């Protein structure tokens, strides 16, 4: 399968998941975190438009209503970060800039691939 076809399929799946996530009241799950961030991986790998990435970041931020929600998302991000950075050879410094680029104020700073999720 070509890279472009794979990216197109991934984007279609992500759009479907965004619709489904919008109807869910349950806590944010790691697969939802991962799917929300796929456009960010695409952006960091290709330097394409980051608008869809911001959509995912904003949805995750909106889903982080309680301390428990934020801790769960943080743990998922910690688990996924190393995989994304290594597998896709992404620039971690660019990842750190994404919340500001998307005008999202998160409660913790992204300074390491192993953040403290106890807060």
PDB file of N, CA and C in Angstrom:
ATOM      1  N   UNK A   1       0.854  -1.176   0.000  1.00  0.00           N
ATOM      2  CA  UNK A   1       0.000   0.000   0.000  1.00  0.00           C
ATOM      3  C   UNK A   1       0.895   1.232   0.000  1.00  0.00           C
ATOM      4  N   UNK A   2       0.546   2.170  -0.831  1.00  0.00           N
ATOM      5  CA  UNK A   2       1.375   3.365  -0.907  1.00  0.00           C
ATOM      6  C   UNK A   2       1.194   4.225   0.328  1.00  0.00           C
ATOM      7  N   UNK A   3       2.188   5.056   0.579  1.00  0.00           N
ATOM      8  CA  UNK A   3       2.161   5.935   1.753  1.00  0.00           C
ATOM      9  C   UNK A   3       0.983   6.906   1.678  1.00  0.00           C
ATOM     10  N   UNK A   4       0.698   7.433   0.492  1.00  0.00           N
ATOM     11  CA  UNK A   4      -0.401   8.382   0.336  1.00  0.00           C
ATOM     12  C   UNK A   4      -1.734   7.694   0.598  1.00  0.00           C
ATOM     13  N   UNK A   5      -1.919   6.498   0.049  1.00  0.00           N
ATOM     14  CA  UNK A   5      -3.151   5.749   0.282  1.00  0.00           C
ATOM     15  C   UNK A   5      -3.319   5.438   1.756  1.00  0.00           C
ATOM     16  N   UNK A   6      -2.234   5.061   2.406  1.00  0.00           N
ATOM     17  CA  UNK A   6      -2.275   4.760   3.832  1.00  0.00           C
ATOM     18  C   UNK A   6      -2.657   5.997   4.632  1.00  0.00           C
ATOM     19  N   UNK A   7      -2.088   7.154   4.292  1.00  0.00           N
ATOM     20  CA  UNK A   7      -2.426   8.399   4.986  1.00  0.00           C
ATOM     21  C   UNK A   7      -3.883   8.776   4.753  1.00  0.00           C
ATOM     22  N   UNK A   8      -4.380   8.560   3.534  1.00  0.00           N
ATOM     23  CA  UNK A   8      -5.777   8.857   3.234  1.00  0.00           C
ATOM     24  C   UNK A   8      -6.698   7.965   4.047  1.00  0.00           C
ATOM     25  N   UNK A   9      -6.395   6.664   4.097  1.00  0.00           N
ATOM     26  CA  UNK A   9      -7.189   5.733   4.898  1.00  0.00           C
ATOM     27  C   UNK A   9      -7.164   6.130   6.363  1.00  0.00           C
ATOM     28  N   UNK A  10      -5.993   6.506   6.852  1.00  0.00           N
ATOM     29  CA  UNK A  10      -5.857   6.905   8.252  1.00  0.00           C
ATOM     30  C   UNK A  10      -6.702   8.143   8.532  1.00  0.00           C
ATOM     31  N   UNK A  11      -6.685   9.104   7.629  1.00  0.00           N
ATOM     32  CA  UNK A  11      -7.472  10.326   7.829  1.00  0.00           C
ATOM     33  C   UNK A  11      -8.965  10.017   7.853  1.00  0.00           C
ATOM     34  N   UNK A  12      -9.420   9.108   6.993  1.00  0.00           N
ATOM     35  CA  UNK A  12     -10.827   8.729   6.977  1.00  0.00           C
ATOM     36  C   UNK A  12     -11.223   8.075   8.293  1.00  0.00           C
ATOM     37  N   UNK A  13     -10.376   7.189   8.785  1.00  0.00           N
ATOM     38  CA  UNK A  13     -10.640   6.529  10.063  1.00  0.00           C
ATOM     39  C   UNK A  13     -10.684   7.561  11.182  1.00  0.00           C
ATOM     40  N   UNK A  14      -9.753   8.498  11.166  1.00  0.00           N
ATOM     41  CA  UNK A  14      -9.698   9.522  12.215  1.00  0.00           C
ATOM     42  C   UNK A  14     -10.957  10.381  12.190  1.00  0.00           C
ATOM     43  N   UNK A  15     -11.406  10.787  11.006  1.00  0.00           N
ATOM     44  CA  UNK A  15     -12.625  11.595  10.922  1.00  0.00           C
ATOM     45  C   UNK A  15     -13.806  10.844  11.521  1.00  0.00           C
ATOM     46  N   UNK A  16     -13.907   9.554  11.219  1.00  0.00           N
ATOM     47  CA  UNK A  16     -14.978   8.735  11.785  1.00  0.00           C
ATOM     48  C   UNK A  16     -14.865   8.689  13.295  1.00  0.00           C
ATOM     49  N   UNK A  17     -13.654   8.513  13.794  1.00  0.00           N
ATOM     50  CA  UNK A  17     -13.463   8.446  15.241  1.00  0.00           C
ATOM     51  C   UNK A  17     -13.789   9.768  15.912  1.00  0.00           C
ATOM     52  N   UNK A  18     -13.460  10.890  15.275  1.00  0.00           N
ATOM     53  CA  UNK A  18     -13.796  12.191  15.858  1.00  0.00           C
ATOM     54  C   UNK A  18     -15.307  12.332  16.024  1.00  0.00           C
ATOM     55  N   UNK A  19     -16.059  11.865  15.036  1.00  0.00           N
ATOM     56  CA  UNK A  19     -17.516  11.921  15.141  1.00  0.00           C
ATOM     57  C   UNK A  19     -17.985  11.060  16.302  1.00  0.00           C
ATOM     58  N   UNK A  20     -17.435   9.846  16.399  1.00  0.00           N
ATOM     59  CA  UNK A  20     -17.824   8.947  17.485  1.00  0.00           C
ATOM     60  C   UNK A  20     -17.410   9.496  18.841  1.00  0.00           C
ATOM     61  N   UNK A  21     -16.224  10.064  18.926  1.00  0.00           N
ATOM     62  CA  UNK A  21     -15.740  10.613  20.195  1.00  0.00           C
ATOM     63  C   UNK A  21     -16.663  11.734  20.659  1.00  0.00           C
ATOM     64  N   UNK A  22     -17.178  12.508  19.736  1.00  0.00           N
ATOM     65  CA  UNK A  22     -18.063  13.601  20.093  1.00  0.00           C
ATOM     66  C   UNK A  22     -19.330  13.143  20.796  1.00  0.00           C
ATOM     67  N   UNK A  23     -19.744  11.902  20.556  1.00  0.00           N
ATOM     68  CA  UNK A  23     -20.962  11.382  21.170  1.00  0.00           C
ATOM     69  C   UNK A  23     -20.700  10.614  22.454  1.00  0.00           C
ATOM     70  N   UNK A  24     -19.479  10.501  22.857  1.00  0.00           N
ATOM     71  CA  UNK A  24     -19.138   9.691  24.015  1.00  0.00           C
ATOM     72  C   UNK A  24     -18.949  10.570  25.240  1.00  0.00           C
ATOM     73  N   UNK A  25     -19.490  10.118  26.369  1.00  0.00           N
ATOM     74  CA  UNK A  25     -19.331  10.838  27.624  1.00  0.00           C
ATOM     75  C   UNK A  25     -18.281  10.192  28.510  1.00  0.00           C
ATOM     76  N   UNK A  26     -17.850   9.014  28.150  1.00  0.00           N
ATOM     77  CA  UNK A  26     -16.914   8.264  28.983  1.00  0.00           C
ATOM     78  C   UNK A  26     -15.549   8.937  28.988  1.00  0.00           C
ATOM     79  N   UNK A  27     -14.714   8.492  29.912  1.00  0.00           N
ATOM     80  CA  UNK A  27     -13.352   9.015  30.008  1.00  0.00           C
ATOM     81  C   UNK A  27     -12.607   8.759  28.702  1.00  0.00           C
ATOM     82  N   UNK A  28     -11.668   9.623  28.408  1.00  0.00           N
ATOM     83  CA  UNK A  28     -10.859   9.490  27.201  1.00  0.00           C
ATOM     84  C   UNK A  28      -9.969   8.261  27.334  1.00  0.00           C
ATOM     85  N   UNK A  29      -9.941   7.441  26.292  1.00  0.00           N
ATOM     86  CA  UNK A  29      -9.143   6.215  26.306  1.00  0.00           C
ATOM     87  C   UNK A  29      -7.842   6.426  25.536  1.00  0.00           C
ATOM     88  N   UNK A  30      -6.889   5.540  25.745  1.00  0.00           N
ATOM     89  CA  UNK A  30      -5.612   5.642  25.021  1.00  0.00           C
ATOM     90  C   UNK A  30      -5.796   5.531  23.507  1.00  0.00           C
ATOM     91  N   UNK A  31      -6.654   4.628  23.010  1.00  0.00           N
ATOM     92  CA  UNK A  31      -6.858   4.627  21.555  1.00  0.00           C
ATOM     93  C   UNK A  31      -7.415   5.958  21.037  1.00  0.00           C
ATOM     94  N   UNK A  32      -8.267   6.617  21.821  1.00  0.00           N
ATOM     95  CA  UNK A  32      -8.780   7.921  21.407  1.00  0.00           C
ATOM     96  C   UNK A  32      -7.660   8.961  21.391  1.00  0.00           C
ATOM     97  N   UNK A  33      -6.789   8.904  22.379  1.00  0.00           N
ATOM     98  CA  UNK A  33      -5.646   9.823  22.425  1.00  0.00           C
ATOM     99  C   UNK A  33      -4.771   9.598  21.198  1.00  0.00           C
ATOM    100  N   UNK A  34      -4.474   8.342  20.926  1.00  0.00           N
ATOM    101  CA  UNK A  34      -3.638   8.003  19.780  1.00  0.00           C
ATOM    102  C   UNK A  34      -4.266   8.493  18.481  1.00  0.00           C
ATOM    103  N   UNK A  35      -5.539   8.208  18.290  1.00  0.00           N
ATOM    104  CA  UNK A  35      -6.213   8.616  17.058  1.00  0.00           C
ATOM    105  C   UNK A  35      -6.302  10.130  16.930  1.00  0.00           C
ATOM    106  N   UNK A  36      -6.480  10.816  18.033  1.00  0.00           N
ATOM    107  CA  UNK A  36      -6.536  12.279  17.992  1.00  0.00           C
ATOM    108  C   UNK A  36      -5.201  12.875  17.562  1.00  0.00           C
ATOM    109  N   UNK A  37      -4.111  12.160  17.847  1.00  0.00           N
ATOM    110  CA  UNK A  37      -2.781  12.703  17.564  1.00  0.00           C
ATOM    111  C   UNK A  37      -2.194  12.255  16.229  1.00  0.00           C
ATOM    112  N   UNK A  38      -2.851  11.353  15.520  1.00  0.00           N
ATOM    113  CA  UNK A  38      -2.326  10.920  14.220  1.00  0.00           C
ATOM    114  C   UNK A  38      -2.103  12.105  13.281  1.00  0.00           C
ATOM    115  N   UNK A  39      -3.024  13.082  13.209  1.00  0.00           N
ATOM    116  CA  UNK A  39      -2.743  14.234  12.342  1.00  0.00           C
ATOM    117  C   UNK A  39      -1.497  15.014  12.778  1.00  0.00           C
ATOM    118  N   UNK A  40      -1.190  14.990  14.062  1.00  0.00           N
ATOM    119  CA  UNK A  40       0.017  15.671  14.541  1.00  0.00           C
ATOM    120  C   UNK A  40       1.262  14.932  14.071  1.00  0.00           C
ATOM    121  N   UNK A  41       1.195  13.609  14.082  1.00  0.00           N
ATOM    122  CA  UNK A  41       2.317  12.808  13.587  1.00  0.00           C
ATOM    123  C   UNK A  41       2.507  13.095  12.104  1.00  0.00           C
ATOM    124  N   UNK A  42       1.395  13.139  11.367  1.00  0.00           N
ATOM    125  CA  UNK A  42       1.469  13.450   9.938  1.00  0.00           C
ATOM    126  C   UNK A  42       2.087  14.830   9.726  1.00  0.00           C
ATOM    127  N   UNK A  43       1.648  15.806  10.511  1.00  0.00           N
ATOM    128  CA  UNK A  43       2.202  17.160  10.393  1.00  0.00           C
ATOM    129  C   UNK A  43       3.701  17.165  10.678  1.00  0.00           C
ATOM    130  N   UNK A  44       4.105  16.517  11.761  1.00  0.00           N
ATOM    131  CA  UNK A  44       5.521  16.547  12.136  1.00  0.00           C
ATOM    132  C   UNK A  44       6.386  15.762  11.161  1.00  0.00           C
ATOM    133  N   UNK A  45       5.807  14.772  10.492  1.00  0.00           N
ATOM    134  CA  UNK A  45       6.575  13.983   9.530  1.00  0.00           C
ATOM    135  C   UNK A  45       6.673  14.670   8.177  1.00  0.00           C
ATOM    136  N   UNK A  46       5.621  15.415   7.799  1.00  0.00           N
ATOM    137  CA  UNK A  46       5.578  15.983   6.450  1.00  0.00           C
ATOM    138  C   UNK A  46       5.567  17.505   6.417  1.00  0.00           C
ATOM    139  N   UNK A  47       5.420  18.143   7.584  1.00  0.00           N
ATOM    140  CA  UNK A  47       5.301  19.604   7.702  1.00  0.00           C
ATOM    141  C   UNK A  47       4.095  20.117   6.921  1.00  0.00           C
ATOM    142  N   UNK A  48       3.067  19.270   6.827  1.00  0.00           N
ATOM    143  CA  UNK A  48       1.830  19.672   6.166  1.00  0.00           C
ATOM    144  C   UNK A  48       1.041  20.576   7.107  1.00  0.00           C
ATOM    145  N   UNK A  49      -0.143  20.942   6.719  1.00  0.00           N
ATOM    146  CA  UNK A  49      -0.991  21.803   7.549  1.00  0.00           C
ATOM    147  C   UNK A  49      -1.226  21.165   8.914  1.00  0.00           C
ATOM    148  N   UNK A  50      -1.209  21.982   9.962  1.00  0.00           N
ATOM    149  CA  UNK A  50      -1.392  21.426  11.304  1.00  0.00           C
ATOM    150  C   UNK A  50      -2.801  21.659  11.845  1.00  0.00           C
ATOM    151  N   UNK A  51      -3.729  22.097  11.012  1.00  0.00           N
ATOM    152  CA  UNK A  51      -5.096  22.358  11.455  1.00  0.00           C
ATOM    153  C   UNK A  51      -5.779  21.143  12.055  1.00  0.00           C
ATOM    154  N   UNK A  52      -5.661  19.997  11.395  1.00  0.00           N
ATOM    155  CA  UNK A  52      -6.284  18.778  11.921  1.00  0.00           C
ATOM    156  C   UNK A  52      -5.607  18.345  13.213  1.00  0.00           C
ATOM    157  N   UNK A  53      -4.330  18.601  13.320  1.00  0.00           N
ATOM    158  CA  UNK A  53      -3.602  18.304  14.556  1.00  0.00           C
ATOM    159  C   UNK A  53      -4.193  19.127  15.696  1.00  0.00           C
ATOM    160  N   UNK A  54      -4.441  20.398  15.429  1.00  0.00           N
ATOM    161  CA  UNK A  54      -5.015  21.270  16.464  1.00  0.00           C
ATOM    162  C   UNK A  54      -6.400  20.795  16.876  1.00  0.00           C
ATOM    163  N   UNK A  55      -7.166  20.283  15.934  1.00  0.00           N
ATOM    164  CA  UNK A  55      -8.488  19.747  16.262  1.00  0.00           C
ATOM    165  C   UNK A  55      -8.353  18.629  17.283  1.00  0.00           C
ATOM    166  N   UNK A  56      -7.408  17.724  17.061  1.00  0.00           N
ATOM    167  CA  UNK A  56      -7.194  16.622  17.993  1.00  0.00           C
ATOM    168  C   UNK A  56      -6.722  17.097  19.353  1.00  0.00           C
ATOM    169  N   UNK A  57      -5.796  18.037  19.363  1.00  0.00           N
ATOM    170  CA  UNK A  57      -5.281  18.570  20.630  1.00  0.00           C
ATOM    171  C   UNK A  57      -6.396  19.267  21.403  1.00  0.00           C
ATOM    172  N   UNK A  58      -7.220  20.032  20.704  1.00  0.00           N
ATOM    173  CA  UNK A  58      -8.321  20.738  21.371  1.00  0.00           C
ATOM    174  C   UNK A  58      -9.354  19.756  21.919  1.00  0.00           C
ATOM    175  N   UNK A  59      -9.615  18.674  21.182  1.00  0.00           N
ATOM    176  CA  UNK A  59     -10.555  17.669  21.680  1.00  0.00           C
ATOM    177  C   UNK A  59     -10.013  16.986  22.927  1.00  0.00           C
ATOM    178  N   UNK A  60      -8.739  16.661  22.917  1.00  0.00           N
ATOM    179  CA  UNK A  60      -8.148  16.040  24.105  1.00  0.00           C
ATOM    180  C   UNK A  60      -8.198  16.995  25.283  1.00  0.00           C
ATOM    181  N   UNK A  61      -7.887  18.254  25.037  1.00  0.00           N
ATOM    182  CA  UNK A  61      -7.913  19.242  26.112  1.00  0.00           C
ATOM    183  C   UNK A  61      -9.335  19.396  26.670  1.00  0.00           C
ATOM    184  N   UNK A  62     -10.323  19.400  25.783  1.00  0.00           N
ATOM    185  CA  UNK A  62     -11.718  19.509  26.222  1.00  0.00           C
ATOM    186  C   UNK A  62     -12.153  18.271  27.003  1.00  0.00           C
ATOM    187  N   UNK A  63     -11.575  17.114  26.667  1.00  0.00           N
ATOM    188  CA  UNK A  63     -11.920  15.878  27.363  1.00  0.00           C
ATOM    189  C   UNK A  63     -11.258  15.739  28.714  1.00  0.00           C
ATOM    190  N   UNK A  64     -10.307  16.613  29.004  1.00  0.00           N
ATOM    191  CA  UNK A  64      -9.560  16.551  30.269  1.00  0.00           C
ATOM    192  C   UNK A  64     -10.258  17.408  31.315  1.00  0.00           C
ATOM    193  N   UNK A  65     -11.450  16.978  31.732  1.00  0.00           N
ATOM    194  CA  UNK A  65     -12.265  17.784  32.642  1.00  0.00           C
ATOM    195  C   UNK A  65     -11.880  17.619  34.104  1.00  0.00           C
ATOM    196  N   UNK A  66     -11.406  16.458  34.464  1.00  0.00           N
ATOM    197  CA  UNK A  66     -11.069  16.195  35.867  1.00  0.00           C
ATOM    198  C   UNK A  66      -9.591  15.858  35.984  1.00  0.00           C
ATOM    199  N   UNK A  67      -9.100  15.850  37.208  1.00  0.00           N
ATOM    200  CA  UNK A  67      -7.707  15.449  37.440  1.00  0.00           C
ATOM    201  C   UNK A  67      -7.478  14.041  36.920  1.00  0.00           C
ATOM    202  N   UNK A  68      -8.422  13.162  37.164  1.00  0.00           N
ATOM    203  CA  UNK A  68      -8.306  11.781  36.694  1.00  0.00           C
ATOM    204  C   UNK A  68      -8.233  11.720  35.168  1.00  0.00           C
ATOM    205  N   UNK A  69      -9.059  12.524  34.485  1.00  0.00           N
ATOM    206  CA  UNK A  69      -9.010  12.586  33.020  1.00  0.00           C
ATOM    207  C   UNK A  69      -7.631  13.032  32.548  1.00  0.00           C
ATOM    208  N   UNK A  70      -7.127  14.109  33.161  1.00  0.00           N
ATOM    209  CA  UNK A  70      -5.816  14.643  32.760  1.00  0.00           C
ATOM    210  C   UNK A  70      -4.710  13.624  33.012  1.00  0.00           C
ATOM    211  N   UNK A  71      -4.777  12.931  34.133  1.00  0.00           N
ATOM    212  CA  UNK A  71      -3.761  11.924  34.437  1.00  0.00           C
ATOM    213  C   UNK A  71      -3.818  10.784  33.431  1.00  0.00           C
ATOM    214  N   UNK A  72      -5.021  10.359  33.076  1.00  0.00           N
ATOM    215  CA  UNK A  72      -5.168   9.273  32.114  1.00  0.00           C
ATOM    216  C   UNK A  72      -4.624   9.680  30.749  1.00  0.00           C
ATOM    217  N   UNK A  73      -4.963  10.888  30.300  1.00  0.00           N
ATOM    218  CA  UNK A  73      -4.447  11.377  29.019  1.00  0.00           C
ATOM    219  C   UNK A  73      -2.930  11.493  29.079  1.00  0.00           C
ATOM    220  N   UNK A  74      -2.403  12.000  30.172  1.00  0.00           N
ATOM    221  CA  UNK A  74      -0.954  12.132  30.336  1.00  0.00           C
ATOM    222  C   UNK A  74      -0.274  10.771  30.252  1.00  0.00           C
ATOM    223  N   UNK A  75      -0.835   9.773  30.945  1.00  0.00           N
ATOM    224  CA  UNK A  75      -0.242   8.425  30.900  1.00  0.00           C
ATOM    225  C   UNK A  75      -0.275   7.860  29.479  1.00  0.00           C
ATOM    226  N   UNK A  76      -1.363   8.102  28.782  1.00  0.00           N
ATOM    227  CA  UNK A  76      -1.448   7.648  27.394  1.00  0.00           C
ATOM    228  C   UNK A  76      -0.403   8.354  26.535  1.00  0.00           C
ATOM    229  N   UNK A  77      -0.286   9.675  26.721  1.00  0.00           N
ATOM    230  CA  UNK A  77       0.708  10.440  25.960  1.00  0.00           C
ATOM    231  C   UNK A  77       2.116   9.950  26.253  1.00  0.00           C
ATOM    232  N   UNK A  78       2.383   9.664  27.514  1.00  0.00           N
ATOM    233  CA  UNK A  78       3.707   9.172  27.901  1.00  0.00           C
ATOM    234  C   UNK A  78       3.993   7.846  27.203  1.00  0.00           C
ATOM    235  N   UNK A  79       3.001   6.976  27.166  1.00  0.00           N
ATOM    236  CA  UNK A  79       3.161   5.679  26.521  1.00  0.00           C
ATOM    237  C   UNK A  79       3.351   5.820  25.010  1.00  0.00           C
ATOM    238  N   UNK A  80       2.612   6.730  24.411  1.00  0.00           N
ATOM    239  CA  UNK A  80       2.642   6.891  22.961  1.00  0.00           C
ATOM    240  C   UNK A  80       3.802   7.738  22.455  1.00  0.00           C
ATOM    241  N   UNK A  81       4.261   8.679  23.255  1.00  0.00           N
ATOM    242  CA  UNK A  81       5.261   9.650  22.790  1.00  0.00           C
ATOM    243  C   UNK A  81       6.517   8.984  22.263  1.00  0.00           C
ATOM    244  N   UNK A  82       7.070   8.095  23.039  1.00  0.00           N
ATOM    245  CA  UNK A  82       8.291   7.424  22.606  1.00  0.00           C
ATOM    246  C   UNK A  82       8.084   6.639  21.328  1.00  0.00           C
ATOM    247  N   UNK A  83       6.924   5.966  21.237  1.00  0.00           N
ATOM    248  CA  UNK A  83       6.625   5.191  20.033  1.00  0.00           C
ATOM    249  C   UNK A  83       6.534   6.099  18.816  1.00  0.00           C
ATOM    250  N   UNK A  84       5.796   7.209  18.930  1.00  0.00           N
ATOM    251  CA  UNK A  84       5.637   8.130  17.809  1.00  0.00           C
ATOM    252  C   UNK A  84       6.973   8.728  17.394  1.00  0.00           C
ATOM    253  N   UNK A  85       7.744   9.191  18.363  1.00  0.00           N
ATOM    254  CA  UNK A  85       9.005   9.863  18.057  1.00  0.00           C
ATOM    255  C   UNK A  85       9.988   8.887  17.414  1.00  0.00           C
ATOM    256  N   UNK A  86      10.114   7.681  17.986  1.00  0.00           N
ATOM    257  CA  UNK A  86      11.060   6.707  17.429  1.00  0.00           C
ATOM    258  C   UNK A  86      10.585   6.146  16.092  1.00  0.00           C
ATOM    259  N   UNK A  87       9.336   5.721  16.027  1.00  0.00           N
ATOM    260  CA  UNK A  87       8.826   5.063  14.822  1.00  0.00           C
ATOM    261  C   UNK A  87       8.821   6.003  13.627  1.00  0.00           C
ATOM    262  N   UNK A  88       8.478   7.244  13.852  1.00  0.00           N
ATOM    263  CA  UNK A  88       8.339   8.182  12.743  1.00  0.00           C
ATOM    264  C   UNK A  88       9.495   9.174  12.655  1.00  0.00           C
ATOM    265  N   UNK A  89      10.492   8.991  13.511  1.00  0.00           N
ATOM    266  CA  UNK A  89      11.665   9.871  13.537  1.00  0.00           C
ATOM    267  C   UNK A  89      11.251  11.342  13.581  1.00  0.00           C
ATOM    268  N   UNK A  90      10.406  11.652  14.545  1.00  0.00           N
ATOM    269  CA  UNK A  90       9.879  13.004  14.670  1.00  0.00           C
ATOM    270  C   UNK A  90      10.778  13.863  15.536  1.00  0.00           C
ATOM    271  N   UNK A  91      10.701  15.149  15.310  1.00  0.00           N
ATOM    272  CA  UNK A  91      11.455  16.121  16.092  1.00  0.00           C
ATOM    273  C   UNK A  91      10.658  16.439  17.358  1.00  0.00           C
ATOM    274  N   UNK A  92      11.140  15.985  18.508  1.00  0.00           N
ATOM    275  CA  UNK A  92      10.433  16.187  19.769  1.00  0.00           C
ATOM    276  C   UNK A  92      10.275  17.667  20.080  1.00  0.00           C
ATOM    277  N   UNK A  93      11.237  18.498  19.674  1.00  0.00           N
ATOM    278  CA  UNK A  93      11.124  19.941  19.914  1.00  0.00           C
ATOM    279  C   UNK A  93       9.911  20.532  19.198  1.00  0.00           C
ATOM    280  N   UNK A  94       9.589  20.005  18.037  1.00  0.00           N
ATOM    281  CA  UNK A  94       8.399  20.457  17.317  1.00  0.00           C
ATOM    282  C   UNK A  94       7.141  20.028  18.068  1.00  0.00           C
ATOM    283  N   UNK A  95       7.149  18.839  18.619  1.00  0.00           N
ATOM    284  CA  UNK A  95       6.003  18.350  19.396  1.00  0.00           C
ATOM    285  C   UNK A  95       5.739  19.255  20.592  1.00  0.00           C
ATOM    286  N   UNK A  96       6.788  19.731  21.220  1.00  0.00           N
ATOM    287  CA  UNK A  96       6.631  20.600  22.391  1.00  0.00           C
ATOM    288  C   UNK A  96       5.941  21.914  22.041  1.00  0.00           C
ATOM    289  N   UNK A  97       6.053  22.351  20.793  1.00  0.00           N
ATOM    290  CA  UNK A  97       5.486  23.631  20.369  1.00  0.00           C
ATOM    291  C   UNK A  97       4.014  23.537  19.970  1.00  0.00           C
ATOM    292  N   UNK A  98       3.512  22.332  19.767  1.00  0.00           N
ATOM    293  CA  UNK A  98       2.165  22.178  19.225  1.00  0.00           C
ATOM    294  C   UNK A  98       1.059  22.825  20.063  1.00  0.00           C
ATOM    295  N   UNK A  99       1.033  22.664  21.392  1.00  0.00           N
ATOM    296  CA  UNK A  99      -0.053  23.323  22.141  1.00  0.00           C
ATOM    297  C   UNK A  99      -0.096  24.837  21.895  1.00  0.00           C
ATOM    298  N   UNK A 100       1.040  25.490  21.902  1.00  0.00           N
ATOM    299  CA  UNK A 100       1.069  26.938  21.663  1.00  0.00           C
ATOM    300  C   UNK A 100       0.651  27.264  20.229  1.00  0.00           C
ATOM    301  N   UNK A 101       1.100  26.456  19.272  1.00  0.00           N
ATOM    302  CA  UNK A 101       0.726  26.682  17.876  1.00  0.00           C
ATOM    303  C   UNK A 101      -0.784  26.557  17.681  1.00  0.00           C
ATOM    304  N   UNK A 102      -1.415  25.723  18.508  1.00  0.00           N
ATOM    305  CA  UNK A 102      -2.862  25.485  18.416  1.00  0.00           C
ATOM    306  C   UNK A 102      -3.656  26.359  19.381  1.00  0.00           C
ATOM    307  N   UNK A 103      -2.971  27.275  20.063  1.00  0.00           N
ATOM    308  CA  UNK A 103      -3.616  28.150  21.053  1.00  0.00           C
ATOM    309  C   UNK A 103      -4.354  27.362  22.128  1.00  0.00           C
ATOM    310  N   UNK A 104      -3.700  26.320  22.618  1.00  0.00           N
ATOM    311  CA  UNK A 104      -4.266  25.491  23.681  1.00  0.00           C
ATOM    312  C   UNK A 104      -3.366  25.608  24.894  1.00  0.00           C
ATOM    313  N   UNK A 105      -3.964  25.949  26.019  1.00  0.00           N
ATOM    314  CA  UNK A 105      -3.222  26.056  27.267  1.00  0.00           C
ATOM    315  C   UNK A 105      -3.386  24.752  28.042  1.00  0.00           C
ATOM    316  N   UNK A 106      -2.334  23.948  28.083  1.00  0.00           N
ATOM    317  CA  UNK A 106      -2.402  22.704  28.842  1.00  0.00           C
ATOM    318  C   UNK A 106      -1.801  22.933  30.218  1.00  0.00           C
ATOM    319  N   UNK A 107      -2.180  22.104  31.160  1.00  0.00           N
ATOM    320  CA  UNK A 107      -1.805  22.320  32.558  1.00  0.00           C
ATOM    321  C   UNK A 107      -0.404  21.835  32.905  1.00  0.00           C
ATOM    322  N   UNK A 108       0.275  21.246  31.965  1.00  0.00           N
ATOM    323  CA  UNK A 108       1.633  20.790  32.229  1.00  0.00           C
ATOM    324  C   UNK A 108       2.473  21.065  30.996  1.00  0.00           C
ATOM    325  N   UNK A 109       3.762  21.182  31.196  1.00  0.00           N
ATOM    326  CA  UNK A 109       4.631  21.462  30.055  1.00  0.00           C
ATOM    327  C   UNK A 109       5.168  20.157  29.490  1.00  0.00           C
ATOM    328  N   UNK A 110       5.363  20.171  28.197  1.00  0.00           N
ATOM    329  CA  UNK A 110       5.919  19.006  27.519  1.00  0.00           C
ATOM    330  C   UNK A 110       7.419  19.231  27.442  1.00  0.00           C
ATOM    331  N   UNK A 111       8.127  18.677  28.394  1.00  0.00           N
ATOM    332  CA  UNK A 111       9.574  18.891  28.434  1.00  0.00           C
ATOM    333  C   UNK A 111      10.342  17.589  28.315  1.00  0.00           C
ATOM    334  N   UNK A 112       9.640  16.488  28.352  1.00  0.00           N
ATOM    335  CA  UNK A 112      10.303  15.197  28.325  1.00  0.00           C
ATOM    336  C   UNK A 112       9.362  14.159  27.736  1.00  0.00           C
ATOM    337  N   UNK A 113       9.907  13.060  27.271  1.00  0.00           N
ATOM    338  CA  UNK A 113       9.081  11.955  26.798  1.00  0.00           C
ATOM    339  C   UNK A 113       8.497  11.164  27.960  1.00  0.00           C
ATOM    340  N   UNK A 114       8.908  11.488  29.181  1.00  0.00           N
ATOM    341  CA  UNK A 114       8.445  10.773  30.369  1.00  0.00           C
ATOM    342  C   UNK A 114       7.920  11.769  31.409  1.00  0.00           C
ATOM    343  N   UNK A 115       6.784  12.441  31.125  1.00  0.00           N
ATOM    344  CA  UNK A 115       6.290  13.470  32.049  1.00  0.00           C
ATOM    345  C   UNK A 115       5.747  12.876  33.346  1.00  0.00           C
ATOM    346  N   UNK A 116       5.699  13.698  34.375  1.00  0.00           N
ATOM    347  CA  UNK A 116       5.096  13.324  35.653  1.00  0.00           C
ATOM    348  C   UNK A 116       3.585  13.479  35.509  1.00  0.00           C
ATOM    349  N   UNK A 117       2.872  12.386  35.564  1.00  0.00           N
ATOM    350  CA  UNK A 117       1.420  12.406  35.356  1.00  0.00           C
ATOM    351  C   UNK A 117       0.635  12.408  36.663  1.00  0.00           C
ATOM    352  N   UNK A 118       1.284  12.687  37.770  1.00  0.00           N
ATOM    353  CA  UNK A 118       0.604  12.633  39.062  1.00  0.00           C
ATOM    354  C   UNK A 118      -0.205  13.894  39.364  1.00  0.00           C
ATOM    355  N   UNK A 119      -0.086  14.917  38.545  1.00  0.00           N
ATOM    356  CA  UNK A 119      -0.760  16.197  38.829  1.00  0.00           C
ATOM    357  C   UNK A 119      -2.093  16.309  38.124  1.00  0.00           C
TER     358      UNK A 119
END
